[in-house]
Amino acid sequence: MTSVILQAPRRLAALLALVAVVAAACSERLDGGAACPSLCPIANTAVLDTVLDAVALDSTVAGFPNTGETTSLLLALRPGPDSVDVRAVIRFDTIPNRYFPPSGGDSVTITTADSTTLSLRIDTAGTRFTQPVTIEAFEVDSATPADTSAALLTALMRPARRLGGLTLQPGTIPDSVRVRISDSAFVNRTRTTRRLRIGLRLVSTAAAQVRFQSAAGGLNTLGARLTFDPVRDTTYQPVVVLPSSVTPAVPGVAASFQDFSFVARSARAAIGTDLVVGGVPAQRVFVRFNVPRFLSDSTTIVRATLELVQRPARGIAATDSVTLTPQGVVATDTVRDVRRAAGLVASSAVLALDSLRLAPSDSGRKSVSLVALVRAWRALPAGTQRALVLRSSQEGVQVGEVRFFSTEAASGLRPRLRLSYIPRTDFGIP
């Protein structure tokens, strides 16, 4: 996350990494002995198993990821009663109004443009459609401060503001596309606002999803490009304009709005009491545990799984899948805001937990392995939340979502923690 990073969470993340390495040294072998007395179980030790209603708090948290944190832009369309319409905006807030002739000399005012083109690199792994799909481009510049409002941007994407379009045929997905943009509209902007903001949407008779490489706050060199010829002369090199944003006028924030996706329409089922991971807008699940102290102080954890009961998510294509990624939370008990705590997580490089691939239309009991996290809890200082986040590996750029019953469901459907452990044995020096 690019949210506020505190010193305490940094220390906790480092400690989690150390514990994970130590725990890995023992793995899950049950035939250890005195050579690994404090970490590994001794031979022939009975493994005890318990199932706990240990979830003290579970909640679905929306608003992730923050704008500018994804490396892809999502365009998605799903017709029908469970319709979804995800669109994108690419900002070019510093377009030139002058150019330098190739023969040298002073710069010349741009009075015309030729072959104005928006170039986009396609993320082929996240793109699929079965019927012809048209990418339409619109001018979505607005003088209002609410220039990121989904309602406003959707209203601006109307025929009178159309800049151009491109139709793709099903079959082979190209690595990149070039969308022709109105030359006259571009020249008009060079004379007035000096910026061009382009909104993109999909049009198709069937469900479709296209992902493009994002500028990612200026860090990704594979983002969109706007090119034009300042005169109708083949001796001139096209002028290249990169994405940029001047709003919001907050230091370090505007770059995140160079390009972004937004939800124009979504008729998905309400969250209600469900635990929801993925979808658009993206959601993640925060789970806080209350585990009896003796299990961490007086036992060696062999296995630990969070058991969840999945319920089908309607309106999702049968071929969709969501990779559920658990991450340990490094927030202290002083962080009471659930959304903020859900953003203070240990990276997978610090504490690696196994992911789980699920079909949104599936149902039944699912198990998420948490042994490395539960082992790490033992070494954390007092006042640290024993919590985790469940998120989609494609958070913010994937339509699919998975749903689970929460602690408000009937007893047999609630989340629960299953632990396998042995009593800890301490050895002295012979």
Protein backbone atom coordinates (compact mmCIF):
# COMPACT_ATOMS: atom_id res chain seq x y z
CA MET A 1 0.00 0.00 0.00
CA THR A 2 1.06 3.58 -0.51
CA SER A 3 -0.90 4.70 2.54
CA VAL A 4 0.83 6.06 5.62
CA ILE A 5 3.56 3.68 6.79
CA LEU A 6 4.36 3.86 10.49
CA GLN A 7 7.57 2.81 12.26
CA ALA A 8 5.72 0.27 14.41
CA PRO A 9 4.25 -1.60 11.43
CA ARG A 10 7.71 -1.64 9.82
CA ARG A 11 9.21 -3.27 12.92
CA LEU A 12 6.33 -5.73 13.08
CA ALA A 13 6.80 -6.65 9.43
CA ALA A 14 10.51 -7.30 10.01
CA LEU A 15 9.70 -9.46 13.03
CA LEU A 16 7.14 -11.40 11.01
CA ALA A 17 9.83 -12.11 8.41
CA LEU A 18 12.23 -13.44 11.06
CA VAL A 19 9.60 -15.70 12.59
CA ALA A 20 8.61 -17.01 9.15
CA VAL A 21 12.24 -18.02 8.46
CA VAL A 22 12.56 -19.78 11.81
CA ALA A 23 9.24 -21.55 11.34
CA ALA A 24 10.30 -22.73 7.89
CA ALA A 25 13.36 -24.38 9.42
CA CYS A 26 11.07 -26.81 11.19
CA SER A 27 8.44 -27.11 8.44
CA GLU A 28 5.71 -29.61 9.28
CA ARG A 29 7.80 -32.72 9.96
CA LEU A 30 6.50 -34.69 12.90
CA ASP A 31 9.52 -36.97 13.27
CA GLY A 32 11.96 -34.42 14.68
CA GLY A 33 13.87 -34.85 17.93
CA ALA A 34 16.46 -33.38 20.23
CA ALA A 35 18.42 -31.91 17.32
CA CYS A 36 15.67 -29.31 17.02
CA PRO A 37 14.31 -29.26 20.59
CA SER A 38 12.60 -25.87 20.82
CA LEU A 39 11.17 -25.76 17.29
CA CYS A 40 10.41 -29.29 16.10
CA PRO A 41 8.22 -31.90 17.76
CA ILE A 42 9.80 -34.99 19.26
CA ALA A 43 9.13 -38.42 17.80
CA ASN A 44 5.82 -40.15 18.51
CA THR A 45 4.22 -36.99 19.92
CA ALA A 46 0.46 -36.93 19.48
CA VAL A 47 -0.87 -34.13 17.32
CA LEU A 48 -3.97 -32.51 18.77
CA ASP A 49 -6.62 -30.91 16.60
CA THR A 50 -9.10 -28.21 17.58
CA VAL A 51 -11.64 -26.04 15.80
CA LEU A 52 -12.19 -22.59 17.27
CA ASP A 53 -14.82 -19.90 16.78
CA ALA A 54 -11.89 -17.54 17.09
CA VAL A 55 -13.01 -14.76 14.73
CA ALA A 56 -13.56 -11.68 16.89
CA LEU A 57 -14.30 -9.38 13.93
CA ASP A 58 -14.82 -9.89 10.21
CA SER A 59 -15.70 -7.17 7.77
CA THR A 60 -15.77 -6.39 4.05
CA VAL A 61 -13.72 -3.28 3.33
CA ALA A 62 -14.07 -1.28 0.09
CA GLY A 63 -11.90 1.35 -1.53
CA PHE A 64 -8.85 -0.73 -2.45
CA PRO A 65 -6.54 -0.28 -4.15
CA ASN A 66 -5.94 3.45 -3.97
CA THR A 67 -6.03 5.35 -7.26
CA GLY A 68 -2.81 4.91 -9.20
CA GLU A 69 -1.70 1.72 -7.42
CA THR A 70 -2.59 -0.75 -10.18
CA THR A 71 -0.37 -1.46 -13.18
CA SER A 72 -3.40 -2.09 -15.41
CA LEU A 73 -6.45 -0.16 -16.57
CA LEU A 74 -9.66 -2.19 -16.67
CA LEU A 75 -12.43 -1.81 -19.23
CA ALA A 76 -15.27 -4.27 -18.65
CA LEU A 77 -18.80 -4.78 -19.87
CA ARG A 78 -21.39 -7.33 -18.82
CA PRO A 79 -24.92 -6.86 -20.20
CA GLY A 80 -28.07 -8.20 -18.56
CA PRO A 81 -29.75 -7.92 -15.16
CA ASP A 82 -26.39 -8.23 -13.36
CA SER A 83 -24.80 -5.62 -15.59
CA VAL A 84 -21.34 -4.20 -15.03
CA ASP A 85 -19.77 -1.30 -16.91
CA VAL A 86 -16.20 -0.31 -16.01
CA ARG A 87 -14.57 2.56 -17.89
CA ALA A 88 -11.25 4.40 -17.76
CA VAL A 89 -9.81 7.90 -18.04
CA ILE A 90 -6.38 8.88 -19.37
CA ARG A 91 -5.27 12.44 -18.75
CA PHE A 92 -2.90 14.44 -20.94
CA ASP A 93 -2.80 17.69 -18.96
CA THR A 94 0.34 19.15 -20.55
CA ILE A 95 -0.15 19.00 -24.31
CA PRO A 96 2.10 21.38 -26.29
CA ASN A 97 0.88 24.36 -28.31
CA ARG A 98 4.14 24.85 -30.21
CA TYR A 99 6.61 22.63 -32.08
CA PHE A 100 10.15 22.94 -33.45
CA PRO A 101 10.62 22.57 -37.22
CA PRO A 102 13.11 19.84 -38.22
CA SER A 103 15.16 22.45 -40.10
CA GLY A 104 15.82 24.26 -36.82
CA GLY A 105 14.96 27.76 -35.73
CA ASP A 106 12.33 29.08 -33.34
CA SER A 107 9.30 27.13 -32.26
CA VAL A 108 6.09 27.45 -34.27
CA THR A 109 2.52 27.65 -33.00
CA ILE A 110 0.48 24.50 -33.68
CA THR A 111 -2.38 25.40 -36.02
CA THR A 112 -3.14 21.96 -37.38
CA ALA A 113 -2.60 18.30 -36.52
CA ASP A 114 -2.58 15.09 -38.48
CA SER A 115 -2.81 11.41 -37.47
CA THR A 116 -3.59 12.13 -33.81
CA THR A 117 -3.49 8.68 -32.21
CA LEU A 118 -3.92 7.16 -28.77
CA SER A 119 -1.62 4.12 -28.44
CA LEU A 120 -2.46 1.52 -25.80
CA ARG A 121 -0.61 -1.66 -24.79
CA ILE A 122 -2.94 -4.56 -24.05
CA ASP A 123 -2.52 -6.86 -21.06
CA THR A 124 -3.37 -10.01 -22.99
CA ALA A 125 -3.62 -12.18 -19.87
CA GLY A 126 -6.50 -10.06 -18.57
CA THR A 127 -8.34 -9.54 -21.87
CA ARG A 128 -11.15 -11.72 -23.21
CA PHE A 129 -14.17 -11.27 -25.45
CA THR A 130 -16.21 -13.58 -27.68
CA GLN A 131 -17.94 -11.02 -29.90
CA PRO A 132 -16.62 -7.91 -31.69
CA VAL A 133 -15.82 -5.19 -29.17
CA THR A 134 -15.46 -1.47 -29.85
CA ILE A 135 -13.22 0.79 -27.76
CA GLU A 136 -14.79 4.24 -27.83
CA ALA A 137 -12.93 7.42 -26.86
CA PHE A 138 -14.60 10.56 -25.49
CA GLU A 139 -13.48 13.98 -24.31
CA VAL A 140 -14.16 14.07 -20.55
CA ASP A 141 -12.51 17.30 -19.46
CA SER A 142 -14.52 19.27 -16.91
CA ALA A 143 -14.03 22.52 -15.04
CA THR A 144 -15.70 21.19 -11.90
CA PRO A 145 -13.55 20.21 -8.90
CA ALA A 146 -15.38 16.85 -8.85
CA ASP A 147 -13.53 15.75 -11.98
CA THR A 148 -13.16 12.16 -10.75
CA SER A 149 -16.87 11.67 -10.04
CA ALA A 150 -18.10 8.47 -11.73
CA ALA A 151 -21.51 10.04 -12.39
CA LEU A 152 -19.95 13.11 -14.02
CA LEU A 153 -17.51 11.13 -16.15
CA THR A 154 -20.25 8.76 -17.29
CA ALA A 155 -22.46 11.69 -18.31
CA LEU A 156 -19.62 13.22 -20.34
CA MET A 157 -19.26 10.06 -22.44
CA ARG A 158 -22.00 10.99 -24.90
CA PRO A 159 -22.09 11.08 -28.73
CA ALA A 160 -21.42 14.82 -29.01
CA ARG A 161 -18.08 14.37 -27.21
CA ARG A 162 -16.90 11.28 -29.09
CA LEU A 163 -13.27 11.53 -30.23
CA GLY A 164 -12.86 8.23 -32.07
CA GLY A 165 -12.97 4.47 -31.74
CA LEU A 166 -11.57 1.10 -32.75
CA THR A 167 -13.25 -2.30 -33.18
CA LEU A 168 -11.48 -5.55 -32.26
CA GLN A 169 -12.53 -8.93 -33.59
CA PRO A 170 -12.57 -12.08 -31.43
CA GLY A 171 -9.70 -14.48 -31.93
CA THR A 172 -6.14 -13.24 -31.71
CA ILE A 173 -5.64 -10.49 -29.12
CA PRO A 174 -3.07 -7.91 -30.27
CA ASP A 175 -0.29 -6.69 -28.00
CA SER A 176 -1.21 -3.06 -28.67
CA VAL A 177 -3.86 -0.95 -30.38
CA ARG A 178 -3.97 2.53 -31.92
CA VAL A 179 -7.18 4.53 -31.56
CA ARG A 180 -7.51 7.46 -33.98
CA ILE A 181 -8.47 10.70 -32.19
CA SER A 182 -10.17 13.70 -33.78
CA ASP A 183 -7.46 16.04 -35.10
CA SER A 184 -9.71 19.09 -34.80
CA ALA A 185 -10.57 18.33 -31.18
CA PHE A 186 -6.89 17.98 -30.35
CA VAL A 187 -5.94 21.27 -32.04
CA ASN A 188 -8.77 23.02 -30.23
CA ARG A 189 -7.31 21.90 -26.91
CA THR A 190 -3.82 23.12 -27.83
CA ARG A 191 -5.35 26.59 -28.25
CA THR A 192 -7.52 26.62 -25.13
CA THR A 193 -7.04 24.47 -22.03
CA ARG A 194 -3.72 22.88 -23.15
CA ARG A 195 -4.97 19.51 -21.93
CA LEU A 196 -6.97 16.57 -23.32
CA ARG A 197 -8.65 14.06 -21.05
CA ILE A 198 -9.82 10.92 -22.80
CA GLY A 199 -12.51 8.59 -21.45
CA LEU A 200 -12.66 5.00 -22.72
CA ARG A 201 -15.54 2.54 -22.72
CA LEU A 202 -16.37 -0.82 -24.30
CA VAL A 203 -19.33 -1.51 -26.58
CA SER A 204 -20.28 -5.11 -27.37
CA THR A 205 -23.27 -7.43 -27.54
CA ALA A 206 -21.68 -9.86 -25.09
CA ALA A 207 -19.59 -9.77 -21.94
CA ALA A 208 -16.10 -8.41 -22.55
CA GLN A 209 -13.03 -7.39 -20.60
CA VAL A 210 -9.96 -5.55 -21.85
CA ARG A 211 -6.98 -4.57 -19.72
CA PHE A 212 -4.36 -2.00 -20.73
CA GLN A 213 -0.99 -1.19 -19.22
CA SER A 214 -1.29 1.78 -16.87
CA ALA A 215 1.06 4.70 -16.34
CA ALA A 216 1.02 3.66 -12.63
CA GLY A 217 1.74 7.13 -11.33
CA GLY A 218 4.48 7.68 -13.91
CA LEU A 219 6.45 4.57 -12.91
CA ASN A 220 5.31 2.35 -15.78
CA THR A 221 6.88 3.13 -19.15
CA LEU A 222 4.32 0.95 -20.95
CA GLY A 223 1.37 3.27 -20.37
CA ALA A 224 -0.65 5.13 -23.00
CA ARG A 225 0.90 7.51 -25.56
CA LEU A 226 -0.72 10.32 -27.52
CA THR A 227 1.04 11.14 -30.81
CA PHE A 228 0.34 13.65 -33.58
CA ASP A 229 1.98 15.22 -36.61
CA PRO A 230 2.13 19.02 -36.26
CA VAL A 231 1.93 19.43 -40.07
CA ARG A 232 0.91 17.20 -42.96
CA ASP A 233 4.48 16.54 -44.01
CA THR A 234 6.19 13.15 -43.85
CA THR A 235 9.56 14.75 -43.10
CA TYR A 236 8.34 15.62 -39.57
CA GLN A 237 8.66 13.21 -36.68
CA PRO A 238 5.43 12.68 -34.73
CA VAL A 239 5.23 14.54 -31.41
CA VAL A 240 4.73 12.23 -28.42
CA VAL A 241 2.69 13.31 -25.39
CA LEU A 242 2.80 11.26 -22.16
CA PRO A 243 0.02 11.01 -19.56
CA SER A 244 0.06 13.70 -16.88
CA SER A 245 -2.35 15.20 -14.37
CA VAL A 246 -2.46 18.57 -12.62
CA THR A 247 -5.37 17.76 -10.31
CA PRO A 248 -6.10 17.27 -7.51
CA ALA A 249 -3.81 20.09 -6.41
CA VAL A 250 -2.25 18.07 -3.58
CA PRO A 251 1.52 17.42 -3.57
CA GLY A 252 2.30 13.86 -4.63
CA VAL A 253 -1.33 12.97 -5.40
CA ALA A 254 -1.98 14.29 -8.91
CA ALA A 255 0.35 11.71 -10.51
CA SER A 256 -1.95 8.94 -9.28
CA PHE A 257 -4.72 10.34 -11.49
CA GLN A 258 -2.80 10.19 -14.78
CA ASP A 259 -5.01 7.24 -15.62
CA PHE A 260 -7.61 5.33 -13.63
CA SER A 261 -10.63 3.06 -14.00
CA PHE A 262 -14.05 3.77 -12.53
CA VAL A 263 -17.39 1.95 -12.27
CA ALA A 264 -20.03 3.57 -14.48
CA ARG A 265 -22.68 1.00 -13.59
CA SER A 266 -22.90 -2.09 -11.43
CA ALA A 267 -26.00 -4.09 -10.61
CA ARG A 268 -24.20 -6.61 -8.44
CA ALA A 269 -25.90 -7.98 -5.35
CA ALA A 270 -25.51 -5.87 -2.23
CA ILE A 271 -22.80 -6.94 0.20
CA GLY A 272 -25.19 -7.34 3.11
CA THR A 273 -23.54 -9.54 5.73
CA ASP A 274 -21.39 -11.41 3.19
CA LEU A 275 -17.62 -11.36 3.19
CA VAL A 276 -16.68 -10.30 -0.35
CA VAL A 277 -13.26 -10.44 -2.03
CA GLY A 278 -12.63 -8.83 -5.42
CA GLY A 279 -15.23 -7.39 -7.76
CA VAL A 280 -15.69 -3.80 -8.89
CA PRO A 281 -15.36 -1.59 -6.98
CA ALA A 282 -12.77 -3.86 -5.38
CA GLN A 283 -13.31 -5.19 -1.87
CA ARG A 284 -11.18 -7.10 0.60
CA VAL A 285 -11.96 -8.93 3.84
CA PHE A 286 -10.48 -8.05 7.23
CA VAL A 287 -10.48 -10.77 9.91
CA ARG A 288 -9.32 -10.30 13.52
CA PHE A 289 -8.80 -13.34 15.74
CA ASN A 290 -9.05 -14.03 19.46
CA VAL A 291 -6.93 -17.16 20.05
CA PRO A 292 -6.51 -18.60 23.59
CA ARG A 293 -3.09 -17.65 24.92
CA PHE A 294 -2.06 -21.21 25.82
CA LEU A 295 -2.16 -22.20 22.14
CA SER A 296 0.56 -19.71 21.31
CA ASP A 297 2.53 -19.90 24.58
CA SER A 298 2.50 -23.62 25.32
CA THR A 299 2.18 -25.42 22.00
CA THR A 300 3.91 -25.82 18.65
CA ILE A 301 1.52 -25.14 15.78
CA VAL A 302 1.75 -27.82 13.11
CA ARG A 303 -1.10 -26.73 10.84
CA ALA A 304 -3.48 -23.77 10.84
CA THR A 305 -6.32 -23.14 8.41
CA LEU A 306 -9.07 -20.57 8.20
CA GLU A 307 -12.24 -22.38 7.15
CA LEU A 308 -14.77 -20.35 5.19
CA VAL A 309 -18.06 -21.40 3.63
CA GLN A 310 -18.37 -20.00 0.12
CA ARG A 311 -21.69 -19.04 -1.42
CA PRO A 312 -22.18 -18.53 -5.18
CA ALA A 313 -21.75 -15.02 -6.56
CA ARG A 314 -24.45 -14.40 -9.17
CA GLY A 315 -23.81 -12.66 -12.47
CA ILE A 316 -20.26 -13.99 -12.87
CA ALA A 317 -19.14 -15.88 -15.96
CA ALA A 318 -18.56 -19.58 -15.40
CA THR A 319 -14.99 -19.27 -16.69
CA ASP A 320 -14.05 -16.52 -14.22
CA SER A 321 -11.71 -17.27 -11.34
CA VAL A 322 -10.39 -15.28 -8.40
CA THR A 323 -7.08 -15.96 -6.68
CA LEU A 324 -7.57 -15.37 -2.97
CA THR A 325 -4.41 -13.94 -1.40
CA PRO A 326 -4.08 -13.77 2.41
CA GLN A 327 -1.77 -11.18 3.99
CA GLY A 328 -0.85 -10.69 7.63
CA VAL A 329 -1.86 -7.41 9.27
CA VAL A 330 0.88 -5.43 11.06
CA ALA A 331 -1.39 -2.85 12.72
CA THR A 332 -1.35 -2.39 16.50
CA ASP A 333 -4.41 -2.34 18.73
CA THR A 334 -4.34 1.46 18.64
CA VAL A 335 -5.47 1.34 14.99
CA ARG A 336 -9.21 1.04 15.48
CA ASP A 337 -10.30 2.06 11.98
CA VAL A 338 -10.83 -1.22 10.11
CA ARG A 339 -10.10 0.21 6.67
CA ARG A 340 -6.81 1.69 7.85
CA ALA A 341 -5.84 -1.56 9.55
CA ALA A 342 -6.71 -3.46 6.36
CA GLY A 343 -4.14 -1.33 4.54
CA LEU A 344 -1.30 -2.05 6.99
CA VAL A 345 -0.26 -5.47 5.77
CA ALA A 346 2.97 -7.43 5.48
CA SER A 347 4.08 -7.94 1.89
CA SER A 348 4.31 -11.43 0.44
CA ALA A 349 8.10 -10.97 0.36
CA VAL A 350 8.07 -10.61 4.16
CA LEU A 351 5.51 -13.28 5.06
CA ALA A 352 4.52 -15.68 2.29
CA LEU A 353 1.10 -17.30 2.68
CA ASP A 354 -0.43 -19.75 0.24
CA SER A 355 -2.99 -18.35 -2.17
CA LEU A 356 -6.18 -20.14 -3.18
CA ARG A 357 -7.83 -20.05 -6.61
CA LEU A 358 -11.63 -20.12 -6.52
CA ALA A 359 -14.50 -19.99 -9.00
CA PRO A 360 -17.04 -17.29 -8.03
CA SER A 361 -19.90 -19.65 -8.90
CA ASP A 362 -18.63 -22.36 -6.53
CA SER A 363 -19.90 -23.09 -3.01
CA GLY A 364 -18.98 -25.12 0.05
CA ARG A 365 -16.25 -25.10 2.70
CA LYS A 366 -12.86 -23.69 1.68
CA SER A 367 -9.61 -23.79 3.65
CA VAL A 368 -6.96 -21.07 3.65
CA SER A 369 -3.58 -22.12 5.07
CA LEU A 370 -2.31 -19.73 7.76
CA VAL A 371 0.37 -21.78 9.54
CA ALA A 372 3.17 -19.27 8.92
CA LEU A 373 1.03 -16.40 10.19
CA VAL A 374 -0.17 -18.18 13.34
CA ARG A 375 3.39 -19.21 14.18
CA ALA A 376 4.49 -15.61 13.72
CA TRP A 377 1.89 -14.33 16.20
CA ARG A 378 3.76 -15.96 19.09
CA ALA A 379 6.75 -13.65 18.69
CA LEU A 380 4.85 -10.42 18.17
CA PRO A 381 4.84 -7.85 20.99
CA ALA A 382 1.78 -7.25 23.12
CA GLY A 383 -0.70 -4.88 21.56
CA THR A 384 -0.36 -6.27 18.03
CA GLN A 385 -3.53 -7.24 16.22
CA ARG A 386 -3.80 -10.90 15.37
CA ALA A 387 -5.47 -10.28 12.06
CA LEU A 388 -5.26 -10.89 8.34
CA VAL A 389 -6.60 -9.54 5.08
CA LEU A 390 -8.04 -11.61 2.24
CA ARG A 391 -7.70 -9.85 -1.10
CA SER A 392 -7.75 -10.69 -4.79
CA SER A 393 -4.39 -10.99 -6.51
CA GLN A 394 -5.94 -8.89 -9.32
CA GLU A 395 -7.47 -6.36 -6.96
CA GLY A 396 -9.05 -3.45 -8.81
CA VAL A 397 -8.60 -4.88 -12.30
CA GLN A 398 -10.88 -7.91 -12.19
CA VAL A 399 -14.68 -8.15 -12.36
CA GLY A 400 -14.96 -11.52 -10.61
CA GLU A 401 -15.64 -11.75 -6.89
CA VAL A 402 -16.01 -14.50 -4.29
CA ARG A 403 -18.44 -14.44 -1.37
CA PHE A 404 -18.37 -16.16 2.00
CA PHE A 405 -20.68 -16.38 4.99
CA SER A 406 -19.66 -14.12 7.89
CA THR A 407 -19.91 -14.48 11.66
CA GLU A 408 -23.50 -13.22 11.38
CA ALA A 409 -24.55 -16.42 9.60
CA ALA A 410 -25.85 -19.62 11.22
CA SER A 411 -23.31 -21.42 13.41
CA GLY A 412 -22.44 -24.09 10.85
CA LEU A 413 -21.64 -21.46 8.19
CA ARG A 414 -19.45 -19.07 10.15
CA PRO A 415 -15.69 -18.67 9.64
CA ARG A 416 -13.64 -20.78 12.03
CA LEU A 417 -9.99 -21.48 12.76
CA ARG A 418 -8.72 -25.08 12.74
CA LEU A 419 -5.41 -25.70 14.53
CA SER A 420 -3.26 -28.81 14.77
CA TYR A 421 -0.62 -28.60 17.50
CA ILE A 422 1.55 -30.49 19.96
CA PRO A 423 2.47 -29.49 23.52
CA ARG A 424 5.74 -27.60 23.49
CA THR A 425 8.66 -29.38 25.18
CA ASP A 426 11.67 -27.45 26.43
CA PHE A 427 15.02 -29.22 26.68
CA GLY A 428 17.95 -28.38 28.89
CA ILE A 429 21.62 -28.72 27.95
CA PRO A 430 22.85 -32.28 28.70
